[in-house]
N, C-alpha and C. Protein backbone atom coordinates (compact mmCIF):
# COMPACT_ATOMS: atom_id res chain seq x y z
N MET A 1 -1.76 9.57 2.77
CA MET A 1 -1.36 10.74 2.80
C MET A 1 -1.48 11.97 3.24
N LEU A 2 -0.83 12.75 4.19
CA LEU A 2 -1.15 13.52 4.79
C LEU A 2 -0.01 14.89 4.33
N ARG A 3 -1.13 16.10 4.63
CA ARG A 3 -0.28 17.56 4.33
C ARG A 3 -0.75 18.69 4.79
N ILE A 4 0.36 19.48 5.38
CA ILE A 4 -0.36 20.28 6.21
C ILE A 4 0.45 21.72 6.09
N ASP A 5 -0.21 22.77 5.61
CA ASP A 5 0.49 23.93 5.01
C ASP A 5 0.02 24.82 6.34
N TYR A 6 1.08 25.61 6.97
CA TYR A 6 0.66 26.23 8.11
C TYR A 6 1.27 27.64 7.82
N ASN A 7 0.84 28.76 8.28
CA ASN A 7 1.18 30.35 8.46
C ASN A 7 1.66 30.45 9.55
N GLN A 8 2.70 30.48 10.29
CA GLN A 8 2.46 31.19 11.29
C GLN A 8 2.16 32.52 11.58
N SER A 9 3.11 33.38 10.92
CA SER A 9 3.12 34.33 10.73
C SER A 9 3.24 34.92 9.36
N THR A 10 3.39 36.39 9.30
CA THR A 10 3.84 36.76 7.78
C THR A 10 5.46 36.53 7.34
N ASN A 11 5.92 36.10 8.43
CA ASN A 11 7.45 36.09 8.36
C ASN A 11 7.89 34.91 8.75
N SER A 12 7.17 33.47 8.51
CA SER A 12 7.46 32.41 8.97
C SER A 12 6.26 31.33 8.43
N THR A 13 6.66 30.20 7.65
CA THR A 13 5.48 29.36 6.93
C THR A 13 6.09 28.02 7.09
N TRP A 14 5.08 27.08 7.73
CA TRP A 14 5.87 25.70 7.79
C TRP A 14 4.87 24.76 6.97
N PHE A 15 5.72 23.78 6.15
CA PHE A 15 5.02 22.81 5.38
C PHE A 15 5.37 21.52 6.00
N GLY A 16 4.42 20.38 5.95
CA GLY A 16 4.79 18.69 6.45
C GLY A 16 4.41 18.42 5.78
N ARG A 17 4.81 17.08 5.19
CA ARG A 17 4.40 16.19 4.36
C ARG A 17 4.63 14.45 5.05
N ALA A 18 3.36 13.57 5.21
CA ALA A 18 3.42 12.27 5.54
C ALA A 18 2.82 11.52 4.65
N ALA A 19 3.83 10.39 4.10
CA ALA A 19 3.17 9.64 2.87
C ALA A 19 3.87 7.81 3.45
N TRP A 20 2.52 7.25 3.17
CA TRP A 20 2.83 6.06 3.51
C TRP A 20 2.29 4.50 2.59
N ASP A 21 2.63 3.54 2.35
CA ASP A 21 2.03 2.71 1.38
C ASP A 21 2.16 1.13 1.96
N SER A 22 1.46 0.69 1.04
CA SER A 22 2.15 -0.99 1.53
C SER A 22 1.32 -1.89 0.31
N GLU A 23 2.24 -2.62 -0.33
CA GLU A 23 1.59 -3.55 -0.93
C GLU A 23 2.37 -4.57 -1.38
N ALA A 24 1.80 -5.94 -1.38
CA ALA A 24 2.28 -7.55 -2.19
C ALA A 24 1.59 -7.67 -3.00
N ALA A 25 2.53 -8.38 -3.77
CA ALA A 25 2.28 -9.02 -5.33
C ALA A 25 3.10 -10.18 -5.09
N VAL A 26 1.95 -11.34 -5.77
CA VAL A 26 2.24 -12.84 -5.83
C VAL A 26 3.61 -12.89 -7.02
N THR A 27 4.23 -13.36 -6.67
CA THR A 27 5.30 -13.59 -8.08
C THR A 27 5.27 -14.94 -9.03
N VAL A 28 4.73 -15.42 -9.72
CA VAL A 28 4.79 -16.64 -10.29
C VAL A 28 5.98 -16.68 -11.47
N SER A 29 6.80 -17.74 -11.03
CA SER A 29 7.74 -18.75 -12.06
C SER A 29 7.79 -19.83 -12.03
N SER A 30 6.73 -20.58 -11.80
CA SER A 30 6.75 -21.59 -12.39
C SER A 30 4.68 -21.79 -12.85
N PRO A 31 4.70 -22.29 -14.19
CA PRO A 31 3.28 -22.60 -14.39
C PRO A 31 2.44 -23.67 -13.65
N ILE A 32 3.18 -24.53 -12.54
CA ILE A 32 2.33 -25.48 -11.75
C ILE A 32 1.82 -25.23 -10.63
N LYS A 33 2.71 -24.20 -10.27
CA LYS A 33 2.80 -23.71 -8.59
C LYS A 33 1.65 -22.45 -8.87
N GLU A 34 0.62 -22.19 -7.74
CA GLU A 34 -0.13 -20.94 -7.74
C GLU A 34 0.83 -19.48 -7.76
N GLY A 35 1.72 -19.45 -6.63
CA GLY A 35 2.31 -18.56 -6.56
C GLY A 35 3.81 -18.96 -5.90
N ASN A 36 4.74 -18.81 -6.47
CA ASN A 36 6.05 -18.70 -5.95
C ASN A 36 6.34 -17.89 -4.84
N GLY A 37 6.25 -16.50 -4.76
CA GLY A 37 6.61 -15.86 -3.59
C GLY A 37 5.65 -14.60 -3.80
N THR A 38 6.17 -13.79 -2.56
CA THR A 38 5.78 -12.63 -2.41
C THR A 38 6.23 -11.50 -2.36
N LEU A 39 6.30 -10.68 -3.07
CA LEU A 39 7.00 -9.04 -2.78
C LEU A 39 6.59 -8.09 -2.59
N ALA A 40 6.50 -7.68 -0.91
CA ALA A 40 6.40 -6.70 -0.42
C ALA A 40 7.33 -5.67 -0.05
N SER A 41 6.43 -4.35 -0.20
CA SER A 41 6.97 -3.05 -0.64
C SER A 41 6.17 -2.04 0.92
N HIS A 42 7.01 -1.46 1.47
CA HIS A 42 6.52 -0.54 3.08
C HIS A 42 7.15 0.70 2.65
N PRO A 43 6.89 1.47 1.97
CA PRO A 43 7.61 3.02 2.19
C PRO A 43 6.80 3.96 2.64
N VAL A 44 7.84 4.72 3.84
CA VAL A 44 7.11 5.60 4.81
C VAL A 44 8.16 6.77 4.17
N GLN A 45 7.35 8.26 4.02
CA GLN A 45 8.17 9.11 3.84
C GLN A 45 7.74 10.74 4.79
N ILE A 46 8.48 11.13 5.56
CA ILE A 46 7.84 12.55 6.38
C ILE A 46 8.98 13.99 6.11
N GLU A 47 8.33 14.80 5.75
CA GLU A 47 9.16 15.74 5.49
C GLU A 47 8.60 17.14 6.36
N LEU A 48 9.36 17.80 6.66
CA LEU A 48 9.26 19.22 7.52
C LEU A 48 10.26 20.43 7.35
N SER A 49 9.42 21.52 7.15
CA SER A 49 10.16 22.48 6.53
C SER A 49 9.29 23.70 6.75
N ASN A 50 10.33 24.60 7.24
CA ASN A 50 9.97 26.17 7.84
C ASN A 50 10.86 27.43 7.27
N VAL A 51 10.27 28.10 6.30
CA VAL A 51 10.51 29.62 5.83
C VAL A 51 9.96 30.43 6.41
N ARG A 52 11.47 30.88 7.01
CA ARG A 52 11.75 32.03 7.60
C ARG A 52 12.00 33.72 7.18
N THR A 53 11.51 34.66 6.98
CA THR A 53 11.94 36.00 6.97
C THR A 53 12.01 36.85 7.64
N PHE A 54 13.86 36.85 7.95
CA PHE A 54 14.09 37.75 8.76
C PHE A 54 13.67 39.67 8.12
N SER A 55 13.89 39.54 7.33
CA SER A 55 14.18 40.88 6.97
C SER A 55 13.73 41.01 5.25
N PRO A 56 13.40 41.61 4.70
CA PRO A 56 12.99 41.97 2.99
C PRO A 56 14.29 41.19 2.34
N THR A 57 15.72 41.12 3.20
CA THR A 57 17.17 40.73 2.49
C THR A 57 17.30 39.68 3.22
N LEU A 58 16.95 38.59 3.94
CA LEU A 58 17.52 38.11 4.62
C LEU A 58 16.51 36.97 5.10
N VAL A 59 16.70 35.86 4.32
CA VAL A 59 15.28 34.48 4.33
C VAL A 59 16.34 33.30 4.79
N ASN A 60 15.61 32.63 5.74
CA ASN A 60 16.17 31.03 6.01
C ASN A 60 15.19 30.20 5.83
N ASP A 61 15.42 29.30 4.93
CA ASP A 61 15.06 27.97 4.70
C ASP A 61 15.20 26.61 5.33
N PHE A 62 14.47 26.22 6.43
CA PHE A 62 15.14 25.03 7.22
C PHE A 62 14.17 23.88 6.59
N ARG A 63 14.97 22.23 6.46
CA ARG A 63 14.46 20.79 5.81
C ARG A 63 15.10 19.97 6.80
N ILE A 64 14.09 18.93 6.93
CA ILE A 64 14.08 18.01 7.63
C ILE A 64 13.13 17.16 6.84
N GLY A 65 14.32 15.50 7.08
CA GLY A 65 13.07 14.69 6.69
C GLY A 65 13.32 13.11 6.38
N TYR A 66 12.66 12.23 6.33
CA TYR A 66 13.01 10.95 6.86
C TYR A 66 12.15 9.70 5.88
N ASN A 67 13.20 8.84 5.23
CA ASN A 67 12.58 7.90 4.10
C ASN A 67 12.55 6.55 5.11
N ARG A 68 11.98 5.73 4.37
CA ARG A 68 12.58 4.33 5.18
C ARG A 68 11.58 3.67 4.04
N LEU A 69 12.31 2.02 3.03
CA LEU A 69 11.37 1.66 2.82
C LEU A 69 11.81 0.36 2.86
N ILE A 70 11.36 -0.57 3.34
CA ILE A 70 10.95 -2.07 3.67
C ILE A 70 10.80 -2.80 2.42
N ASN A 71 11.51 -3.29 1.93
CA ASN A 71 11.18 -4.32 0.79
C ASN A 71 11.48 -5.98 0.82
N GLY A 72 10.63 -6.80 1.13
CA GLY A 72 10.64 -7.78 1.06
C GLY A 72 10.52 -9.03 0.12
N VAL A 73 11.57 -10.04 -0.76
CA VAL A 73 11.11 -10.99 -1.59
C VAL A 73 10.91 -12.31 -0.71
N LEU A 74 9.93 -12.77 -0.42
CA LEU A 74 9.82 -13.43 0.64
C LEU A 74 8.88 -14.94 -0.13
N GLN A 75 8.68 -16.20 0.54
CA GLN A 75 8.02 -17.21 -0.12
C GLN A 75 6.80 -17.26 -0.08
N TYR A 76 6.01 -17.79 -0.77
CA TYR A 76 4.29 -17.84 -0.75
C TYR A 76 3.86 -17.96 0.86
N ASN A 77 4.37 -18.72 1.66
CA ASN A 77 3.81 -19.24 2.70
C ASN A 77 4.01 -18.48 3.74
N ALA A 78 5.18 -16.98 3.54
CA ALA A 78 5.37 -16.19 4.28
C ALA A 78 4.31 -15.66 5.02
N TYR A 79 4.34 -15.05 6.39
CA TYR A 79 3.40 -14.77 7.12
C TYR A 79 1.68 -15.35 7.41
N THR A 80 1.79 -16.54 6.46
CA THR A 80 0.38 -17.39 5.97
C THR A 80 0.07 -18.08 7.69
N GLY A 81 1.16 -18.64 8.36
CA GLY A 81 0.71 -19.61 9.19
C GLY A 81 1.01 -20.99 9.40
N ILE A 82 1.07 -21.29 7.63
CA ILE A 82 1.69 -22.39 7.07
C ILE A 82 3.65 -22.58 7.37
N ASN A 83 3.61 -23.51 8.34
CA ASN A 83 4.89 -23.42 9.21
C ASN A 83 5.37 -24.83 8.82
N GLU A 84 5.86 -25.21 7.83
CA GLU A 84 6.16 -26.50 7.98
C GLU A 84 7.61 -26.98 8.33
N VAL A 85 8.49 -25.75 8.54
CA VAL A 85 9.74 -26.12 8.91
C VAL A 85 9.49 -26.42 10.24
N GLY A 86 8.47 -25.80 11.42
CA GLY A 86 8.27 -25.79 12.40
C GLY A 86 7.65 -27.33 12.46
N ALA A 87 7.19 -28.18 11.63
CA ALA A 87 6.41 -29.46 11.94
C ALA A 87 7.93 -30.39 11.74
N LEU A 88 9.09 -30.03 11.34
CA LEU A 88 10.32 -30.90 11.11
C LEU A 88 11.06 -30.40 12.48
N GLY A 89 10.77 -30.53 13.61
CA GLY A 89 11.10 -30.31 15.00
C GLY A 89 11.96 -31.24 14.80
N GLY A 90 13.32 -30.87 15.76
CA GLY A 90 14.28 -32.27 15.86
C GLY A 90 15.36 -32.55 14.59
N ILE A 91 15.00 -31.86 13.62
CA ILE A 91 15.83 -32.01 12.38
C ILE A 91 17.14 -30.98 12.48
N ALA A 92 18.58 -31.51 13.02
CA ALA A 92 19.63 -30.85 13.46
C ALA A 92 19.71 -29.54 11.85
N GLY A 93 20.30 -28.52 12.09
CA GLY A 93 20.39 -27.48 10.87
C GLY A 93 19.35 -26.77 10.24
N VAL A 94 18.09 -27.20 10.60
CA VAL A 94 16.90 -26.58 10.40
C VAL A 94 16.47 -25.16 11.36
N ALA A 95 16.51 -24.01 10.60
CA ALA A 95 16.62 -22.81 11.30
C ALA A 95 15.41 -22.64 12.29
N THR A 96 15.71 -21.93 13.48
CA THR A 96 14.06 -21.62 14.01
C THR A 96 13.32 -20.80 13.38
N PRO A 97 12.00 -21.17 12.84
CA PRO A 97 11.11 -20.39 12.07
C PRO A 97 10.30 -18.62 12.62
N ASN A 98 10.86 -18.24 11.90
CA ASN A 98 10.36 -17.00 11.77
C ASN A 98 9.00 -16.94 10.66
N PRO A 99 8.09 -15.83 10.83
CA PRO A 99 6.65 -15.97 10.20
C PRO A 99 7.39 -15.56 8.88
N GLU A 100 8.32 -14.73 8.37
CA GLU A 100 8.79 -14.48 7.28
C GLU A 100 9.36 -15.49 6.67
N ILE A 101 10.17 -16.60 7.17
CA ILE A 101 10.68 -17.62 6.68
C ILE A 101 9.79 -19.30 6.29
N TYR A 102 8.16 -18.83 6.42
CA TYR A 102 7.50 -19.86 7.11
C TYR A 102 7.74 -20.53 5.49
N GLY A 103 7.41 -22.28 5.07
CA GLY A 103 7.49 -22.33 3.85
C GLY A 103 7.94 -23.73 3.80
N VAL A 104 7.85 -24.29 2.92
CA VAL A 104 8.47 -26.26 2.43
C VAL A 104 9.94 -25.81 2.69
N PRO A 105 10.39 -26.95 2.86
CA PRO A 105 12.01 -26.94 2.91
C PRO A 105 12.40 -27.55 1.39
N SER A 106 13.11 -27.06 0.63
CA SER A 106 13.54 -27.90 -0.67
C SER A 106 13.68 -29.25 -1.08
N MET A 107 13.22 -30.16 -1.80
CA MET A 107 13.36 -31.48 -1.43
C MET A 107 13.47 -31.67 -2.93
N GLY A 108 14.50 -32.57 -3.28
CA GLY A 108 14.91 -33.75 -4.41
C GLY A 108 14.93 -34.76 -4.56
N VAL A 109 14.41 -35.40 -5.32
CA VAL A 109 14.70 -37.05 -5.48
C VAL A 109 15.43 -37.26 -7.06
N SER A 110 16.24 -38.09 -7.09
CA SER A 110 16.66 -38.05 -8.04
C SER A 110 15.86 -38.42 -9.29
N GLY A 111 15.60 -38.08 -10.75
CA GLY A 111 14.94 -38.34 -11.23
C GLY A 111 13.20 -37.70 -11.58
N LEU A 112 13.09 -37.21 -10.74
CA LEU A 112 11.86 -36.01 -10.11
C LEU A 112 12.34 -34.74 -10.48
N THR A 113 11.06 -33.95 -10.68
CA THR A 113 10.97 -32.54 -10.02
C THR A 113 11.05 -31.95 -8.85
N SER A 114 12.19 -31.23 -8.25
CA SER A 114 12.31 -30.88 -6.90
C SER A 114 11.06 -30.05 -7.31
N TRP A 115 10.94 -29.92 -5.52
CA TRP A 115 9.56 -29.26 -4.74
C TRP A 115 10.16 -28.39 -3.75
N GLY A 116 9.28 -27.55 -3.42
CA GLY A 116 9.55 -26.60 -1.95
C GLY A 116 9.79 -25.51 -2.70
N ASP A 117 10.18 -24.20 -1.39
CA ASP A 117 10.60 -23.10 -1.24
C ASP A 117 12.46 -23.45 -1.41
N SER A 118 12.81 -22.63 -2.40
CA SER A 118 14.27 -22.74 -2.46
C SER A 118 15.13 -21.60 -1.69
N ASP A 119 14.72 -20.60 -1.86
CA ASP A 119 15.43 -19.54 -2.03
C ASP A 119 14.98 -18.38 -1.67
N GLY A 120 15.69 -17.88 -0.02
CA GLY A 120 15.09 -16.38 0.39
C GLY A 120 15.15 -17.00 1.72
N PRO A 121 14.50 -15.69 1.99
CA PRO A 121 13.75 -14.66 1.88
C PRO A 121 14.86 -13.35 1.92
N SER A 122 14.79 -12.28 1.07
CA SER A 122 15.46 -11.51 1.08
C SER A 122 14.84 -10.08 1.49
N LEU A 123 15.28 -9.82 2.71
CA LEU A 123 14.62 -8.46 3.25
C LEU A 123 15.52 -7.21 3.27
N THR A 124 14.94 -6.18 2.52
CA THR A 124 15.65 -5.00 2.71
C THR A 124 15.17 -3.75 3.23
N PHE A 125 16.05 -3.06 4.51
CA PHE A 125 15.20 -2.19 5.09
C PHE A 125 16.58 -1.17 5.21
N ASN A 126 15.71 0.09 3.88
CA ASN A 126 17.12 1.62 4.09
C ASN A 126 16.28 2.35 4.83
N ASN A 127 16.76 3.16 5.34
CA ASN A 127 16.62 4.57 5.67
C ASN A 127 17.34 5.61 5.44
N THR A 128 16.80 6.71 5.13
CA THR A 128 17.77 8.26 4.82
C THR A 128 16.98 9.07 6.08
N PHE A 129 17.85 9.75 6.62
CA PHE A 129 17.66 10.98 7.37
C PHE A 129 18.33 12.14 7.00
N ALA A 130 17.50 13.36 6.59
CA ALA A 130 18.19 14.25 5.74
C ALA A 130 17.69 15.61 6.76
N PHE A 131 18.87 16.63 6.32
CA PHE A 131 18.67 17.73 7.72
C PHE A 131 19.25 18.82 6.72
N GLY A 132 18.56 20.06 6.54
CA GLY A 132 19.17 21.00 5.60
C GLY A 132 18.83 22.46 5.96
N ASP A 133 19.58 23.14 5.66
CA ASP A 133 19.41 24.69 6.03
C ASP A 133 20.04 25.54 5.26
N THR A 134 19.20 26.62 4.56
CA THR A 134 19.99 27.38 4.23
C THR A 134 19.62 28.83 3.96
N VAL A 135 20.51 29.58 3.95
CA VAL A 135 20.45 31.11 4.08
C VAL A 135 20.38 32.27 3.18
N SER A 136 19.86 33.03 2.77
CA SER A 136 19.67 33.88 1.64
C SER A 136 19.77 35.09 2.13
N LYS A 137 20.96 36.06 1.40
CA LYS A 137 21.04 37.49 1.71
C LYS A 137 20.91 38.25 0.53
N VAL A 138 20.14 39.37 0.74
CA VAL A 138 20.51 40.37 -0.98
C VAL A 138 20.65 41.65 -0.38
N HIS A 139 22.26 42.04 -1.32
CA HIS A 139 22.76 43.23 -0.80
C HIS A 139 22.97 44.22 -1.43
N GLY A 140 22.58 45.41 -1.80
CA GLY A 140 22.38 45.91 -3.28
C GLY A 140 22.10 44.92 -3.90
N LYS A 141 22.76 44.62 -5.58
CA LYS A 141 22.65 43.97 -6.61
C LYS A 141 23.05 43.17 -6.94
N HIS A 142 23.75 42.41 -5.29
CA HIS A 142 24.31 41.04 -5.16
C HIS A 142 23.43 40.12 -4.26
N SER A 143 23.39 38.85 -4.49
CA SER A 143 22.48 37.99 -3.31
C SER A 143 23.36 36.69 -3.12
N ILE A 144 23.55 36.43 -2.18
CA ILE A 144 24.27 35.31 -1.85
C ILE A 144 23.62 34.41 -0.63
N ARG A 145 23.36 32.60 -1.19
CA ARG A 145 23.08 31.92 -0.65
C ARG A 145 23.62 30.95 0.06
N PHE A 146 23.66 30.37 1.05
CA PHE A 146 24.64 29.33 1.51
C PHE A 146 24.43 28.50 2.50
N GLY A 147 24.65 27.13 3.01
CA GLY A 147 23.88 26.41 3.75
C GLY A 147 24.83 25.00 3.71
N GLY A 148 23.96 24.04 4.01
CA GLY A 148 24.42 22.56 4.17
C GLY A 148 23.38 22.04 4.04
N ASP A 149 23.76 20.54 3.99
CA ASP A 149 22.74 19.24 3.92
C ASP A 149 23.46 18.52 4.40
N VAL A 150 23.12 17.49 5.52
CA VAL A 150 23.57 16.30 6.43
C VAL A 150 22.60 15.33 5.99
N ARG A 151 22.94 14.18 5.42
CA ARG A 151 21.93 13.17 4.88
C ARG A 151 22.97 11.91 5.39
N ARG A 152 21.79 10.74 5.97
CA ARG A 152 22.44 9.87 7.03
C ARG A 152 22.03 8.62 5.93
N ASP A 153 22.37 7.69 5.70
CA ASP A 153 21.71 6.51 4.50
C ASP A 153 22.12 5.45 5.56
N GLN A 154 21.52 4.66 5.49
CA GLN A 154 21.02 3.08 6.11
C GLN A 154 20.58 2.20 5.17
N PHE A 155 21.36 1.45 4.32
CA PHE A 155 21.05 0.07 3.74
C PHE A 155 21.29 -1.65 4.70
N THR A 156 20.39 -1.80 4.85
CA THR A 156 20.01 -3.38 5.78
C THR A 156 19.56 -4.27 5.00
N THR A 157 20.30 -5.55 4.92
CA THR A 157 19.97 -6.65 3.51
C THR A 157 20.07 -7.87 4.54
N ALA A 158 18.85 -8.57 4.55
CA ALA A 158 19.32 -9.91 5.18
C ALA A 158 18.24 -10.31 4.34
N THR A 159 19.64 -11.63 4.00
CA THR A 159 19.34 -12.89 2.89
C THR A 159 19.89 -13.73 2.82
N ASN A 160 19.51 -15.09 2.71
CA ASN A 160 19.88 -16.36 2.96
C ASN A 160 19.14 -17.05 1.81
N SER A 161 19.87 -18.07 1.60
CA SER A 161 19.00 -19.52 1.18
C SER A 161 19.27 -20.79 1.41
N PHE A 162 18.32 -21.42 1.67
CA PHE A 162 17.51 -22.50 1.87
C PHE A 162 17.67 -22.55 3.19
N LEU A 163 16.96 -21.75 3.99
CA LEU A 163 16.85 -21.31 5.26
C LEU A 163 15.87 -22.36 5.88
N ARG A 164 15.20 -22.51 5.35
CA ARG A 164 14.16 -24.33 6.00
C ARG A 164 14.92 -25.26 5.58
N GLY A 165 15.85 -25.37 5.07
CA GLY A 165 16.63 -26.65 4.87
C GLY A 165 16.27 -27.48 3.45
N ALA A 166 17.21 -27.89 3.07
CA ALA A 166 17.48 -28.60 2.02
C ALA A 166 17.20 -30.22 1.76
N PHE A 167 16.55 -30.85 1.62
CA PHE A 167 16.76 -32.51 1.49
C PHE A 167 17.04 -33.14 -0.08
N SER A 168 17.87 -33.81 0.12
CA SER A 168 18.33 -34.53 -1.43
C SER A 168 18.11 -35.95 -1.47
N PHE A 169 17.56 -36.78 -2.28
CA PHE A 169 17.34 -38.07 -2.18
C PHE A 169 18.12 -38.94 -3.59
N ASN A 170 19.05 -39.33 -3.33
CA ASN A 170 19.72 -39.49 -5.00
C ASN A 170 19.85 -41.51 -5.37
N GLY A 171 19.74 -41.68 -4.26
CA GLY A 171 19.79 -43.15 -4.41
C GLY A 171 21.30 -43.61 -4.01
N GLN A 172 22.29 -42.95 -3.85
CA GLN A 172 23.63 -43.45 -3.85
C GLN A 172 23.59 -44.44 -2.61
N TYR A 173 22.93 -44.53 -1.76
CA TYR A 173 23.23 -45.45 -0.48
C TYR A 173 21.95 -46.56 -0.46
N THR A 174 21.21 -46.36 -1.48
CA THR A 174 19.75 -47.45 -1.13
C THR A 174 19.52 -48.23 -2.42
N SER A 175 20.04 -47.80 -4.00
CA SER A 175 19.72 -48.02 -5.19
C SER A 175 20.31 -49.76 -5.41
N ASN A 176 21.68 -50.10 -4.86
CA ASN A 176 22.40 -50.96 -4.93
C ASN A 176 22.70 -51.82 -3.69
N PRO A 177 21.99 -52.77 -2.88
CA PRO A 177 21.69 -53.55 -2.04
C PRO A 177 23.41 -54.09 -1.90
N ALA A 178 23.92 -54.05 -3.15
CA ALA A 178 25.15 -54.98 -2.31
C ALA A 178 25.94 -53.78 -1.85
N LEU A 179 25.81 -52.47 -1.90
CA LEU A 179 26.56 -51.84 -1.60
C LEU A 179 26.35 -51.29 -0.11
N ALA A 180 25.60 -52.06 0.69
CA ALA A 180 24.92 -51.53 1.65
C ALA A 180 26.32 -51.50 2.86
N ALA A 181 26.26 -50.72 3.77
CA ALA A 181 27.21 -50.35 4.77
C ALA A 181 27.49 -52.08 5.59
N PRO A 182 28.94 -52.42 5.80
CA PRO A 182 28.92 -53.40 6.72
C PRO A 182 28.05 -53.55 8.10
N GLY A 183 27.27 -54.58 7.95
CA GLY A 183 26.98 -55.11 9.65
C GLY A 183 25.29 -54.81 9.61
N VAL A 184 25.04 -53.65 7.83
CA VAL A 184 23.61 -53.80 7.30
C VAL A 184 23.20 -54.78 6.89
N PRO A 185 22.00 -55.06 6.82
CA PRO A 185 21.30 -56.49 6.20
C PRO A 185 20.92 -55.48 4.98
N ALA A 186 21.36 -56.45 3.99
CA ALA A 186 20.88 -55.84 2.66
C ALA A 186 19.66 -55.72 2.44
């Protein structure tokens, strides 16, 4: 975190603050797998303000700020270099791998427990831009404040299921040789 307080003059003071963080945690939803996913958060906050005294009865307060949150619910192998999807080259429908989707495709065989990374990732990018200005005026026994705030919020989410593909083997075509397709030896 960074903080700055600056007295430009007896009539003008500045305040600035910047804070950022980066953290990741492994989420476990299975007792037999080391880690099933990663929750990654990257917040950033920036603020700048100025209080200016024009006269003993007239004061202006100006503020501008920016907040950003990148939050990702990722698979255990995201950004690790373990790219099983890339190793499956040539299979139609398998997404072009990006580091956030690295992992193992979902695999299921009838009668066995399925394995692989089936969900996500889910990525959230939130931005908030804020601007505010307030003027305070004192006149005799009366005081008045007026001003305004402008704020822009952006909420962007990217999510998908089975991004690395899903393969299911149920024996429908191989469990009974008598049901083989015509012209194919049983």
